[in-house]
């Protein structure tokens, strides 16, 4: 690591244990009606891969890429869809797999967008929610960890495309933090 990476916020073992717990709950909740997992790229790719392997149902995957950050460490508040879904959501159960919820504005936009596609249900599984930053009321069915409002990297999360490959979640203390 380097000087831009600070203290451990969530360690690798904690991540594994929480993902197993979330997957067991999702497996129970969706028994008989496997959901489509919609991963929010790029940050959720590691979480979604581990979560999907731990869910004991024949799930389908698709991905969306949305941006409200660009290369910054703070959200611009303007959401752009960079990659849309290929699977039809009509009358399907959709589980959005999100890496981190800050203000919640991007996720709220995404939920409205997906709901307009006539799914049976749209729920959210967020690995991380930052305490006290939400600017909109969110209905999160599954939450891994609630953390202090610090900028984190690792386990798929980045700053300027760096640090995604770290095995845990770490506080970013570098420029722009």
Protein backbone atom coordinates (compact mmCIF):
# COMPACT_ATOMS: atom_id res chain seq x y z
CA UNK A 1 0.00 0.00 0.00
CA UNK A 2 1.02 3.63 0.00
CA UNK A 3 0.66 6.74 2.13
CA UNK A 4 -2.78 7.51 0.65
CA UNK A 5 -4.30 4.42 2.26
CA UNK A 6 -5.10 4.75 5.96
CA UNK A 7 -6.73 2.61 8.60
CA UNK A 8 -8.78 -0.52 7.99
CA UNK A 9 -12.50 0.26 8.07
CA UNK A 10 -13.72 -3.30 7.32
CA UNK A 11 -11.29 -6.20 7.14
CA UNK A 12 -11.28 -9.10 4.71
CA UNK A 13 -12.62 -11.64 7.24
CA UNK A 14 -15.45 -9.30 8.26
CA UNK A 15 -16.38 -8.88 4.60
CA UNK A 16 -16.52 -12.64 4.02
CA UNK A 17 -18.66 -13.24 7.10
CA UNK A 18 -21.13 -10.45 6.26
CA UNK A 19 -21.46 -11.58 2.64
CA UNK A 20 -22.28 -15.12 3.79
CA UNK A 21 -24.91 -13.69 6.15
CA UNK A 22 -26.46 -11.49 3.43
CA UNK A 23 -26.46 -14.37 0.92
CA UNK A 24 -28.22 -16.69 3.38
CA UNK A 25 -30.94 -14.07 3.96
CA UNK A 26 -31.33 -13.43 0.21
CA UNK A 27 -31.52 -17.19 -0.46
CA UNK A 28 -34.31 -17.52 2.11
CA UNK A 29 -36.19 -14.42 0.98
CA UNK A 30 -36.14 -15.32 -2.72
CA UNK A 31 -36.70 -19.08 -2.44
CA UNK A 32 -38.71 -20.23 -5.46
CA UNK A 33 -38.24 -16.94 -7.34
CA UNK A 34 -34.53 -16.28 -7.99
CA UNK A 35 -33.80 -12.59 -8.56
CA UNK A 36 -31.88 -10.86 -11.27
CA UNK A 37 -28.84 -9.31 -9.63
CA UNK A 38 -28.14 -5.88 -11.08
CA UNK A 39 -24.60 -4.84 -10.26
CA UNK A 40 -23.69 -1.19 -10.24
CA UNK A 41 -20.33 -0.88 -11.97
CA UNK A 42 -17.55 -0.54 -11.35
CA UNK A 43 -17.43 -0.49 -7.58
CA UNK A 44 -19.83 -3.36 -6.87
CA UNK A 45 -18.18 -5.95 -9.12
CA UNK A 46 -16.19 -7.70 -6.36
CA UNK A 47 -19.08 -7.62 -3.90
CA UNK A 48 -21.52 -8.91 -6.51
CA UNK A 49 -19.21 -11.75 -7.55
CA UNK A 50 -18.75 -12.93 -3.96
CA UNK A 51 -22.42 -12.43 -3.10
CA UNK A 52 -23.64 -14.28 -6.19
CA UNK A 53 -21.40 -17.28 -5.44
CA UNK A 54 -22.79 -17.43 -1.90
CA UNK A 55 -26.50 -17.24 -2.90
CA UNK A 56 -27.90 -20.77 -3.16
CA UNK A 57 -30.27 -19.94 -6.03
CA UNK A 58 -29.87 -19.87 -9.84
CA UNK A 59 -29.56 -16.09 -10.11
CA UNK A 60 -29.09 -14.13 -13.31
CA UNK A 61 -26.76 -11.14 -13.61
CA UNK A 62 -26.71 -7.88 -15.46
CA UNK A 63 -24.85 -4.66 -14.92
CA UNK A 64 -25.40 -0.94 -15.09
CA UNK A 65 -22.77 1.72 -15.01
CA UNK A 66 -23.87 5.01 -13.57
CA UNK A 67 -21.77 7.96 -12.60
CA UNK A 68 -22.14 10.88 -10.28
CA UNK A 69 -18.47 11.08 -9.27
CA UNK A 70 -16.27 11.07 -12.36
CA UNK A 71 -12.75 11.02 -10.94
CA UNK A 72 -13.65 13.14 -7.89
CA UNK A 73 -14.04 12.00 -4.28
CA UNK A 74 -17.39 13.75 -3.87
CA UNK A 75 -20.60 13.22 -5.82
CA UNK A 76 -21.60 15.86 -8.34
CA UNK A 77 -25.28 15.00 -7.78
CA UNK A 78 -25.81 14.60 -11.53
CA UNK A 79 -26.40 10.97 -12.53
CA UNK A 80 -25.48 9.63 -15.96
CA UNK A 81 -26.15 6.08 -17.22
CA UNK A 82 -22.96 4.92 -18.90
CA UNK A 83 -24.07 1.30 -19.50
CA UNK A 84 -27.64 0.07 -19.41
CA UNK A 85 -29.12 -3.38 -18.80
CA UNK A 86 -29.53 -6.03 -21.48
CA UNK A 87 -32.07 -8.21 -19.59
CA UNK A 88 -35.80 -7.44 -19.69
CA UNK A 89 -37.03 -6.80 -16.13
CA UNK A 90 -40.76 -7.17 -16.81
CA UNK A 91 -42.43 -9.12 -13.99
CA UNK A 92 -39.05 -10.14 -12.52
CA UNK A 93 -37.63 -9.71 -9.03
CA UNK A 94 -34.66 -7.36 -9.19
CA UNK A 95 -31.98 -7.04 -6.54
CA UNK A 96 -29.71 -4.04 -7.04
CA UNK A 97 -26.23 -4.81 -5.74
CA UNK A 98 -24.59 -1.54 -4.71
CA UNK A 99 -21.14 -1.00 -3.29
CA UNK A 100 -21.68 2.15 -1.24
CA UNK A 101 -24.47 4.58 -0.42
CA UNK A 102 -23.39 8.16 0.29
CA UNK A 103 -26.03 10.79 -0.37
CA UNK A 104 -28.40 8.17 -1.81
CA UNK A 105 -29.27 10.38 -4.78
CA UNK A 106 -27.70 8.03 -7.36
CA UNK A 107 -29.41 5.00 -5.83
CA UNK A 108 -32.79 6.79 -5.66
CA UNK A 109 -32.44 7.66 -9.35
CA UNK A 110 -31.51 4.08 -10.18
CA UNK A 111 -34.47 2.67 -8.22
CA UNK A 112 -36.90 4.98 -10.07
CA UNK A 113 -35.32 4.06 -13.39
CA UNK A 114 -35.60 0.31 -12.74
CA UNK A 115 -39.13 0.55 -11.31
CA UNK A 116 -40.25 2.16 -14.59
CA UNK A 117 -39.32 -1.10 -16.38
CA UNK A 118 -42.26 -3.02 -14.81
CA UNK A 119 -40.43 -5.48 -12.56
CA UNK A 120 -42.32 -7.47 -9.92
CA UNK A 121 -40.06 -5.97 -7.27
CA UNK A 122 -36.92 -3.87 -6.87
CA UNK A 123 -34.87 -4.26 -3.70
CA UNK A 124 -31.37 -3.11 -2.78
CA UNK A 125 -28.41 -4.88 -1.23
CA UNK A 126 -25.77 -2.30 -0.29
CA UNK A 127 -22.41 -3.37 1.09
CA UNK A 128 -21.79 -0.03 2.81
CA UNK A 129 -23.90 2.89 3.96
CA UNK A 130 -22.13 6.01 5.17
CA UNK A 131 -23.67 7.38 8.36
CA UNK A 132 -25.51 10.67 8.19
CA UNK A 133 -24.93 11.56 4.53
CA UNK A 134 -28.24 10.49 2.98
CA UNK A 135 -30.11 13.34 1.36
CA UNK A 136 -33.12 11.24 0.47
CA UNK A 137 -35.14 8.54 2.23
CA UNK A 138 -33.99 5.11 1.04
CA UNK A 139 -35.51 1.66 1.46
CA UNK A 140 -32.51 -0.66 1.72
CA UNK A 141 -33.55 -4.27 2.30
CA UNK A 142 -30.03 -5.59 2.88
CA UNK A 143 -27.12 -3.60 4.33
CA UNK A 144 -23.68 -4.98 5.03
CA UNK A 145 -22.01 -2.25 7.08
CA UNK A 146 -22.74 1.26 8.28
CA UNK A 147 -19.51 3.24 8.46
CA UNK A 148 -18.46 6.76 9.45
CA UNK A 149 -18.60 9.37 6.66
CA UNK A 150 -15.02 8.81 5.45
CA UNK A 151 -13.88 8.13 1.90
CA UNK A 152 -13.05 4.42 1.52
CA UNK A 153 -11.14 2.41 -1.06
CA UNK A 154 -10.61 -1.27 -1.65
CA UNK A 155 -12.79 -4.27 -2.43
CA UNK A 156 -13.91 -2.67 -5.69
CA UNK A 157 -14.01 0.94 -4.48
CA UNK A 158 -11.51 3.35 -5.96
CA UNK A 159 -10.19 6.83 -6.27
CA UNK A 160 -9.09 7.64 -9.81
CA UNK A 161 -9.37 3.91 -10.69
CA UNK A 162 -6.76 2.96 -8.05
CA UNK A 163 -7.01 0.72 -4.98
CA UNK A 164 -9.96 -1.43 -6.18
CA UNK A 165 -7.87 -4.57 -5.65
CA UNK A 166 -7.28 -4.11 -1.91
CA UNK A 167 -8.82 -7.07 -0.01
CA UNK A 168 -10.63 -4.95 2.60
CA UNK A 169 -12.06 -1.46 2.94
CA UNK A 170 -9.60 1.24 3.96
CA UNK A 171 -9.86 4.94 4.66
CA UNK A 172 -8.47 7.02 1.81
CA UNK A 173 -6.33 9.81 3.24
CA UNK A 174 -4.73 11.10 0.05
CA UNK A 175 -5.34 14.19 -2.06
CA UNK A 176 -8.98 15.27 -2.24
CA UNK A 177 -10.05 13.13 0.74
